Structure formats: structure tokens, C-alpha cells
Amino acid sequence: MQKLGLAILAFSIFLAACENPAANKTRAVTSTVSTTATDTSTRPAAAKGESLAVTPDNSKVLFTGSKVTGRHEGGFNKFSGSIDLVNDKPEDSSVKIDIETSSVFTDADGLTKHLQTGDFFETEKFPKASFASTHIVADPAKGANNYTVTGDLELRGVKKAVTFPATITLSPANVAVASEFAINRKDFGIVYAGKADDLIRDDVVIKLDLSTPRKQ
């Protein structure tokens, strides 16, 4: 009886490992690059509001990838960016982030090194990835602080417009942005299939957790 219980437990763990982490996440809408990007440089100086620094000290850029037999957590250690907060309204504001792809990390050393190669990020040829928002629109149907964000994501030399949900919360102390959504890695030229008996899934979950302090 004990052996049966252990077998059931092991099988349950195996099934959990095989689940697709992107299955219950909103999939970002991907399209050609927007030609109507917000150009904050043309705003009058008084309208720029606050420029809040996005750094690894206050924010996280993470991802979850998976294959037939399991999943891996990862992210980036080095990135910089800013939130240009205008009129204390997310709809008037913008965010941009530049990521050093060689700073990628995962829960497995061998995988981390593999992600730096031409099979994935090809970090020597494409040392930077970036995101710059072009539109932020309130989504009141989902409740307060819910928004739809559209912006240009460049990864591995491929730039696409992506649209995804986010919660944006403003307080006197900081601006917090949280989002979790899935993208198809093949849209950005990452087509490595994996081993024949352990194929890599196309969808990757992106997790953004920004908490930028405001100037007091």
C-alpha cells in the first residue's frame, strides 16, 4: 500500500512538471511594429512629469519556459529603463527597458549557458533586448488599476509590437507595474526545437514586476 502511495505521488509530481505554464496565461497579441509610437522627446518639458528609474534593485524581469518533461524558471540580472510618468496618469505615460541578454540566468547552469548560444538568445550577436511602450489604455472592465499595454519588443534582432494586460498602481511612494503573459518564442526567431523526445514548447511566460520609487 505504501509503495502504491509513493507511486501515485511520483506520478502526480511528474504530471505537474509536464504541465504547460503558459496554458492559463494571457497570450500577448503580436503584430508588426507600430508606426505611432509615443515620442516623449516632443513633449514640452513641463509635461514630462517624473522620470522614474527602472533597475534590478527595484524591479524584476523573469520568464518561465517549458518542455515535454518539465519547466525552468529564469530571468535577467542586468537591465535599465525608466517610467515617464505624465499627469499622474498611466494613459499619458510610457515605459522603456533595455536588457543585457548575457545576464540571463535560470535554475540550471547548463541551460543558462545554452540560452546564450545561437540556439536561443545568441548573446554575442544580439547583446541587447528592449521594450518601449507605445500605448497604455485603461481596462475598467477588469477593475481598478487594470490596463492594456502595447509596445515594441525587440529580441534577437526581431522587433514586434506586442499587446498584453498589466496592473499599474500609483502611490505617493512609487509606481508599481505587474504583468504576466505568454509570447511565442518563434515570433522572435528562437526556433530551436529541443531533443526529439523532449521538445521545447513555443510559448514562454514573461513576468514583469516593476516598483520604481518616486522622488520625495
C-alpha atoms as a PDB file:
ATOM      1  CA  MET A   1       0.000   0.000   0.000  1.00  0.00           C
ATOM      2  CA  GLN A   2       2.850   2.345   0.866  1.00  0.00           C
ATOM      3  CA  LYS A   3       4.528   1.624  -2.490  1.00  0.00           C
ATOM      4  CA  LEU A   4       1.261   2.401  -4.281  1.00  0.00           C
ATOM      5  CA  GLY A   5       1.006   5.709  -2.456  1.00  0.00           C
ATOM      6  CA  LEU A   6       4.572   6.627  -3.390  1.00  0.00           C
ATOM      7  CA  ALA A   7       3.933   5.670  -6.999  1.00  0.00           C
ATOM      8  CA  ILE A   8       0.829   7.871  -7.147  1.00  0.00           C
ATOM      9  CA  LEU A   9       2.760  10.759  -5.570  1.00  0.00           C
ATOM     10  CA  ALA A  10       5.629  10.376  -8.051  1.00  0.00           C
ATOM     11  CA  PHE A  11       3.193  10.262 -10.966  1.00  0.00           C
ATOM     12  CA  SER A  12       1.424  13.390  -9.694  1.00  0.00           C
ATOM     13  CA  ILE A  13       4.739  15.237  -9.462  1.00  0.00           C
ATOM     14  CA  PHE A  14       5.608  14.113 -12.995  1.00  0.00           C
ATOM     15  CA  LEU A  15       2.274  15.379 -14.337  1.00  0.00           C
ATOM     16  CA  ALA A  16       2.738  18.719 -12.582  1.00  0.00           C
ATOM     17  CA  ALA A  17       6.193  19.061 -14.150  1.00  0.00           C
ATOM     18  CA  CYS A  18       4.756  18.338 -17.598  1.00  0.00           C
ATOM     19  CA  GLU A  19       2.001  20.954 -17.407  1.00  0.00           C
ATOM     20  CA  ASN A  20       2.327  23.894 -19.744  1.00  0.00           C
ATOM     21  CA  PRO A  21       2.882  27.018 -17.567  1.00  0.00           C
ATOM     22  CA  ALA A  22       1.609  29.210 -20.408  1.00  0.00           C
ATOM     23  CA  ALA A  23      -1.685  27.345 -20.717  1.00  0.00           C
ATOM     24  CA  ASN A  24      -3.578  29.611 -18.307  1.00  0.00           C
ATOM     25  CA  LYS A  25      -1.775  32.862 -19.138  1.00  0.00           C
ATOM     26  CA  THR A  26      -2.961  35.597 -21.467  1.00  0.00           C
ATOM     27  CA  ARG A  27      -1.137  35.311 -24.760  1.00  0.00           C
ATOM     28  CA  ALA A  28       0.277  38.606 -25.973  1.00  0.00           C
ATOM     29  CA  VAL A  29      -1.054  39.811 -29.304  1.00  0.00           C
ATOM     30  CA  THR A  30       1.941  40.117 -31.635  1.00  0.00           C
ATOM     31  CA  SER A  31       1.948  42.199 -34.811  1.00  0.00           C
ATOM     32  CA  THR A  32       4.193  44.358 -36.957  1.00  0.00           C
ATOM     33  CA  VAL A  33       5.913  47.269 -35.247  1.00  0.00           C
ATOM     34  CA  SER A  34       3.675  50.222 -34.504  1.00  0.00           C
ATOM     35  CA  THR A  35       4.271  53.357 -36.554  1.00  0.00           C
ATOM     36  CA  THR A  36       2.569  55.552 -33.955  1.00  0.00           C
ATOM     37  CA  ALA A  37       4.988  55.158 -31.081  1.00  0.00           C
ATOM     38  CA  THR A  38       4.802  57.755 -28.363  1.00  0.00           C
ATOM     39  CA  ASP A  39       7.668  60.212 -28.798  1.00  0.00           C
ATOM     40  CA  THR A  40       8.209  61.759 -25.384  1.00  0.00           C
ATOM     41  CA  SER A  41      11.000  63.947 -26.738  1.00  0.00           C
ATOM     42  CA  THR A  42       8.429  66.177 -28.455  1.00  0.00           C
ATOM     43  CA  ARG A  43       6.550  66.937 -25.235  1.00  0.00           C
ATOM     44  CA  PRO A  44       7.076  70.282 -23.545  1.00  0.00           C
ATOM     45  CA  ALA A  45       9.466  69.969 -20.634  1.00  0.00           C
ATOM     46  CA  ALA A  46       6.733  70.819 -18.138  1.00  0.00           C
ATOM     47  CA  ALA A  47       4.593  67.936 -19.428  1.00  0.00           C
ATOM     48  CA  LYS A  48       7.208  65.243 -18.922  1.00  0.00           C
ATOM     49  CA  GLY A  49       6.367  64.858 -15.269  1.00  0.00           C
ATOM     50  CA  GLU A  50       8.532  62.369 -13.419  1.00  0.00           C
ATOM     51  CA  SER A  51      11.199  60.122 -14.881  1.00  0.00           C
ATOM     52  CA  LEU A  52      11.466  57.090 -12.604  1.00  0.00           C
ATOM     53  CA  ALA A  53      14.418  54.720 -12.935  1.00  0.00           C
ATOM     54  CA  VAL A  54      13.813  51.009 -13.514  1.00  0.00           C
ATOM     55  CA  THR A  55      16.751  48.989 -12.145  1.00  0.00           C
ATOM     56  CA  PRO A  56      17.418  45.467 -10.823  1.00  0.00           C
ATOM     57  CA  ASP A  57      17.318  46.990  -7.342  1.00  0.00           C
ATOM     58  CA  ASN A  58      13.610  47.763  -7.621  1.00  0.00           C
ATOM     59  CA  SER A  59      12.321  45.537 -10.417  1.00  0.00           C
ATOM     60  CA  LYS A  60      12.396  42.023 -11.889  1.00  0.00           C
ATOM     61  CA  VAL A  61      12.262  40.732 -15.459  1.00  0.00           C
ATOM     62  CA  LEU A  62      11.554  36.995 -15.333  1.00  0.00           C
ATOM     63  CA  PHE A  63      10.392  34.180 -17.596  1.00  0.00           C
ATOM     64  CA  THR A  64       9.201  30.584 -17.462  1.00  0.00           C
ATOM     65  CA  GLY A  65       9.934  28.164 -20.281  1.00  0.00           C
ATOM     66  CA  SER A  66       8.890  24.552 -20.541  1.00  0.00           C
ATOM     67  CA  LYS A  67       9.356  21.325 -22.456  1.00  0.00           C
ATOM     68  CA  VAL A  68       7.606  17.985 -22.508  1.00  0.00           C
ATOM     69  CA  THR A  69       9.262  16.766 -19.311  1.00  0.00           C
ATOM     70  CA  GLY A  70       9.299  19.893 -17.200  1.00  0.00           C
ATOM     71  CA  ARG A  71       9.783  23.630 -16.813  1.00  0.00           C
ATOM     72  CA  HIS A  72      12.526  26.103 -15.988  1.00  0.00           C
ATOM     73  CA  GLU A  73      12.444  29.485 -14.277  1.00  0.00           C
ATOM     74  CA  GLY A  74      14.758  32.291 -15.328  1.00  0.00           C
ATOM     75  CA  GLY A  75      15.265  35.984 -15.834  1.00  0.00           C
ATOM     76  CA  PHE A  76      17.838  38.723 -16.372  1.00  0.00           C
ATOM     77  CA  ASN A  77      20.210  40.242 -13.837  1.00  0.00           C
ATOM     78  CA  LYS A  78      21.152  43.381 -15.767  1.00  0.00           C
ATOM     79  CA  PHE A  79      18.684  45.844 -17.254  1.00  0.00           C
ATOM     80  CA  SER A  80      17.878  49.524 -17.087  1.00  0.00           C
ATOM     81  CA  GLY A  81      14.970  51.689 -18.058  1.00  0.00           C
ATOM     82  CA  SER A  82      12.532  54.325 -16.984  1.00  0.00           C
ATOM     83  CA  ILE A  83       8.890  55.100 -16.435  1.00  0.00           C
ATOM     84  CA  ASP A  84       7.988  58.533 -17.785  1.00  0.00           C
ATOM     85  CA  LEU A  85       5.036  59.371 -15.558  1.00  0.00           C
ATOM     86  CA  VAL A  86       2.928  62.192 -17.019  1.00  0.00           C
ATOM     87  CA  ASN A  87      -0.030  63.891 -15.305  1.00  0.00           C
ATOM     88  CA  ASP A  88      -0.109  61.090 -12.724  1.00  0.00           C
ATOM     89  CA  LYS A  89      -1.965  59.009 -15.332  1.00  0.00           C
ATOM     90  CA  PRO A  90      -0.704  55.711 -16.785  1.00  0.00           C
ATOM     91  CA  GLU A  91      -2.562  56.502 -20.030  1.00  0.00           C
ATOM     92  CA  ASP A  92      -0.370  59.578 -20.582  1.00  0.00           C
ATOM     93  CA  SER A  93       2.813  57.827 -19.521  1.00  0.00           C
ATOM     94  CA  SER A  94       5.331  55.420 -21.034  1.00  0.00           C
ATOM     95  CA  VAL A  95       7.874  52.805 -20.027  1.00  0.00           C
ATOM     96  CA  LYS A  96      11.031  51.522 -21.647  1.00  0.00           C
ATOM     97  CA  ILE A  97      13.536  48.840 -20.649  1.00  0.00           C
ATOM     98  CA  ASP A  98      16.868  47.743 -22.133  1.00  0.00           C
ATOM     99  CA  ILE A  99      18.099  44.268 -21.163  1.00  0.00           C
ATOM    100  CA  GLU A 100      21.600  42.791 -21.337  1.00  0.00           C
ATOM    101  CA  THR A 101      20.892  39.346 -22.749  1.00  0.00           C
ATOM    102  CA  SER A 102      24.186  37.902 -21.471  1.00  0.00           C
ATOM    103  CA  SER A 103      22.891  38.477 -17.933  1.00  0.00           C
ATOM    104  CA  VAL A 104      20.326  35.703 -18.386  1.00  0.00           C
ATOM    105  CA  PHE A 105      20.018  33.249 -15.507  1.00  0.00           C
ATOM    106  CA  THR A 106      17.993  30.073 -14.927  1.00  0.00           C
ATOM    107  CA  ASP A 107      17.572  27.346 -12.351  1.00  0.00           C
ATOM    108  CA  ALA A 108      20.098  25.153 -14.229  1.00  0.00           C
ATOM    109  CA  ASP A 109      23.675  26.196 -15.065  1.00  0.00           C
ATOM    110  CA  GLY A 110      23.795  24.146 -18.266  1.00  0.00           C
ATOM    111  CA  LEU A 111      20.598  25.728 -19.512  1.00  0.00           C
ATOM    112  CA  THR A 112      21.856  29.219 -18.718  1.00  0.00           C
ATOM    113  CA  LYS A 113      24.905  28.662 -20.922  1.00  0.00           C
ATOM    114  CA  HIS A 114      22.758  27.128 -23.686  1.00  0.00           C
ATOM    115  CA  LEU A 115      20.428  30.135 -23.720  1.00  0.00           C
ATOM    116  CA  GLN A 116      23.397  32.363 -24.529  1.00  0.00           C
ATOM    117  CA  THR A 117      24.161  30.427 -27.736  1.00  0.00           C
ATOM    118  CA  GLY A 118      22.783  30.710 -31.259  1.00  0.00           C
ATOM    119  CA  ASP A 119      20.032  28.203 -30.401  1.00  0.00           C
ATOM    120  CA  PHE A 120      18.378  30.860 -28.252  1.00  0.00           C
ATOM    121  CA  PHE A 121      19.408  34.470 -27.488  1.00  0.00           C
ATOM    122  CA  GLU A 122      22.756  34.423 -29.356  1.00  0.00           C
ATOM    123  CA  THR A 123      24.028  37.000 -26.892  1.00  0.00           C
ATOM    124  CA  GLU A 124      27.306  37.838 -28.657  1.00  0.00           C
ATOM    125  CA  LYS A 125      25.463  38.930 -31.805  1.00  0.00           C
ATOM    126  CA  PHE A 126      22.412  40.367 -30.035  1.00  0.00           C
ATOM    127  CA  PRO A 127      23.664  41.761 -26.693  1.00  0.00           C
ATOM    128  CA  LYS A 128      20.531  43.824 -26.085  1.00  0.00           C
ATOM    129  CA  ALA A 129      16.808  43.220 -25.903  1.00  0.00           C
ATOM    130  CA  SER A 130      14.413  46.094 -25.410  1.00  0.00           C
ATOM    131  CA  PHE A 131      10.807  47.109 -24.820  1.00  0.00           C
ATOM    132  CA  ALA A 132       9.257  50.549 -25.328  1.00  0.00           C
ATOM    133  CA  SER A 133       5.562  51.162 -24.771  1.00  0.00           C
ATOM    134  CA  THR A 134       3.535  52.970 -27.419  1.00  0.00           C
ATOM    135  CA  HIS A 135       0.036  52.917 -25.889  1.00  0.00           C
ATOM    136  CA  ILE A 136      -1.389  52.347 -22.414  1.00  0.00           C
ATOM    137  CA  VAL A 137      -5.172  52.080 -22.190  1.00  0.00           C
ATOM    138  CA  ALA A 138      -7.330  51.617 -19.102  1.00  0.00           C
ATOM    139  CA  ASP A 139      -9.366  48.406 -18.899  1.00  0.00           C
ATOM    140  CA  PRO A 140     -12.111  49.237 -16.370  1.00  0.00           C
ATOM    141  CA  ALA A 141     -13.972  46.013 -17.121  1.00  0.00           C
ATOM    142  CA  LYS A 142     -11.237  44.192 -15.202  1.00  0.00           C
ATOM    143  CA  GLY A 143     -11.368  46.594 -12.269  1.00  0.00           C
ATOM    144  CA  ALA A 144      -9.291  49.447 -10.957  1.00  0.00           C
ATOM    145  CA  ASN A 145      -5.599  49.658 -11.909  1.00  0.00           C
ATOM    146  CA  ASN A 146      -6.022  47.318 -14.890  1.00  0.00           C
ATOM    147  CA  TYR A 147      -4.593  48.366 -18.243  1.00  0.00           C
ATOM    148  CA  THR A 148      -3.764  47.087 -21.694  1.00  0.00           C
ATOM    149  CA  VAL A 149      -0.202  47.907 -22.713  1.00  0.00           C
ATOM    150  CA  THR A 150       1.085  47.949 -26.292  1.00  0.00           C
ATOM    151  CA  GLY A 151       4.732  48.414 -27.140  1.00  0.00           C
ATOM    152  CA  ASP A 152       7.627  47.404 -29.345  1.00  0.00           C
ATOM    153  CA  LEU A 153       9.594  44.375 -28.141  1.00  0.00           C
ATOM    154  CA  GLU A 154      12.948  43.660 -29.773  1.00  0.00           C
ATOM    155  CA  LEU A 155      14.514  40.274 -29.097  1.00  0.00           C
ATOM    156  CA  ARG A 156      17.282  38.544 -31.015  1.00  0.00           C
ATOM    157  CA  GLY A 157      17.216  41.293 -33.616  1.00  0.00           C
ATOM    158  CA  VAL A 158      13.496  40.901 -34.320  1.00  0.00           C
ATOM    159  CA  LYS A 159      11.164  43.753 -33.394  1.00  0.00           C
ATOM    160  CA  LYS A 160       7.434  43.154 -32.964  1.00  0.00           C
ATOM    161  CA  ALA A 161       4.558  45.097 -31.464  1.00  0.00           C
ATOM    162  CA  VAL A 162       3.073  43.215 -28.511  1.00  0.00           C
ATOM    163  CA  THR A 163      -0.100  43.877 -26.525  1.00  0.00           C
ATOM    164  CA  PHE A 164      -0.617  42.463 -23.042  1.00  0.00           C
ATOM    165  CA  PRO A 165      -2.501  43.140 -19.771  1.00  0.00           C
ATOM    166  CA  ALA A 166      -0.900  44.810 -16.764  1.00  0.00           C
ATOM    167  CA  THR A 167      -1.818  46.238 -13.399  1.00  0.00           C
ATOM    168  CA  ILE A 168      -0.389  49.701 -12.763  1.00  0.00           C
ATOM    169  CA  THR A 169      -0.636  51.203  -9.295  1.00  0.00           C
ATOM    170  CA  LEU A 170       0.364  54.746  -8.413  1.00  0.00           C
ATOM    171  CA  SER A 171       1.076  55.823  -4.854  1.00  0.00           C
ATOM    172  CA  PRO A 172       2.959  58.750  -3.308  1.00  0.00           C
ATOM    173  CA  ALA A 173       5.912  56.405  -2.738  1.00  0.00           C
ATOM    174  CA  ASN A 174       6.213  54.506  -6.014  1.00  0.00           C
ATOM    175  CA  VAL A 175       4.770  53.330  -9.310  1.00  0.00           C
ATOM    176  CA  ALA A 176       4.219  49.574  -9.491  1.00  0.00           C
ATOM    177  CA  VAL A 177       3.699  47.644 -12.721  1.00  0.00           C
ATOM    178  CA  ALA A 178       2.917  43.917 -12.694  1.00  0.00           C
ATOM    179  CA  SER A 179       2.230  41.747 -15.703  1.00  0.00           C
ATOM    180  CA  GLU A 180       2.327  38.080 -16.631  1.00  0.00           C
ATOM    181  CA  PHE A 181       1.670  36.949 -20.187  1.00  0.00           C
ATOM    182  CA  ALA A 182       2.880  34.485 -22.820  1.00  0.00           C
ATOM    183  CA  ILE A 183       4.727  35.111 -26.079  1.00  0.00           C
ATOM    184  CA  ASN A 184       5.615  32.703 -28.865  1.00  0.00           C
ATOM    185  CA  ARG A 185       9.417  32.486 -28.972  1.00  0.00           C
ATOM    186  CA  LYS A 186       9.321  31.610 -32.683  1.00  0.00           C
ATOM    187  CA  ASP A 187       7.894  35.062 -33.426  1.00  0.00           C
ATOM    188  CA  PHE A 188      11.338  36.360 -32.435  1.00  0.00           C
ATOM    189  CA  GLY A 189      13.458  33.869 -34.350  1.00  0.00           C
ATOM    190  CA  ILE A 190      14.049  31.431 -31.481  1.00  0.00           C
ATOM    191  CA  VAL A 191      13.186  28.187 -33.261  1.00  0.00           C
ATOM    192  CA  TYR A 192      15.383  25.561 -31.572  1.00  0.00           C
ATOM    193  CA  ALA A 193      13.135  22.525 -31.103  1.00  0.00           C
ATOM    194  CA  GLY A 194      14.989  20.636 -28.392  1.00  0.00           C
ATOM    195  CA  LYS A 195      15.586  16.920 -28.250  1.00  0.00           C
ATOM    196  CA  ALA A 196      13.302  14.661 -30.274  1.00  0.00           C
ATOM    197  CA  ASP A 197      11.986  13.004 -27.109  1.00  0.00           C
ATOM    198  CA  ASP A 198      11.855  16.226 -25.070  1.00  0.00           C
ATOM    199  CA  LEU A 199      10.542  19.015 -27.314  1.00  0.00           C
ATOM    200  CA  ILE A 200      10.514  22.627 -26.114  1.00  0.00           C
ATOM    201  CA  ARG A 201       7.159  24.395 -26.069  1.00  0.00           C
ATOM    202  CA  ASP A 202       6.778  27.507 -28.206  1.00  0.00           C
ATOM    203  CA  ASP A 203       5.087  29.700 -25.588  1.00  0.00           C
ATOM    204  CA  VAL A 204       7.187  31.367 -22.901  1.00  0.00           C
ATOM    205  CA  VAL A 205       5.692  33.177 -19.913  1.00  0.00           C
ATOM    206  CA  ILE A 206       7.054  36.680 -19.311  1.00  0.00           C
ATOM    207  CA  LYS A 207       6.781  38.137 -15.805  1.00  0.00           C
ATOM    208  CA  LEU A 208       7.330  41.832 -15.163  1.00  0.00           C
ATOM    209  CA  ASP A 209       7.448  43.208 -11.622  1.00  0.00           C
ATOM    210  CA  LEU A 210       8.445  46.879 -11.550  1.00  0.00           C
ATOM    211  CA  SER A 211       8.337  49.002  -8.395  1.00  0.00           C
ATOM    212  CA  THR A 212      10.012  52.323  -9.124  1.00  0.00           C
ATOM    213  CA  PRO A 213      10.372  54.803  -6.261  1.00  0.00           C
ATOM    214  CA  ARG A 214       9.106  58.328  -6.761  1.00  0.00           C
ATOM    215  CA  LYS A 215      11.123  61.386  -5.845  1.00  0.00           C
ATOM    216  CA  GLN A 216      10.058  62.602  -2.436  1.00  0.00           C
END
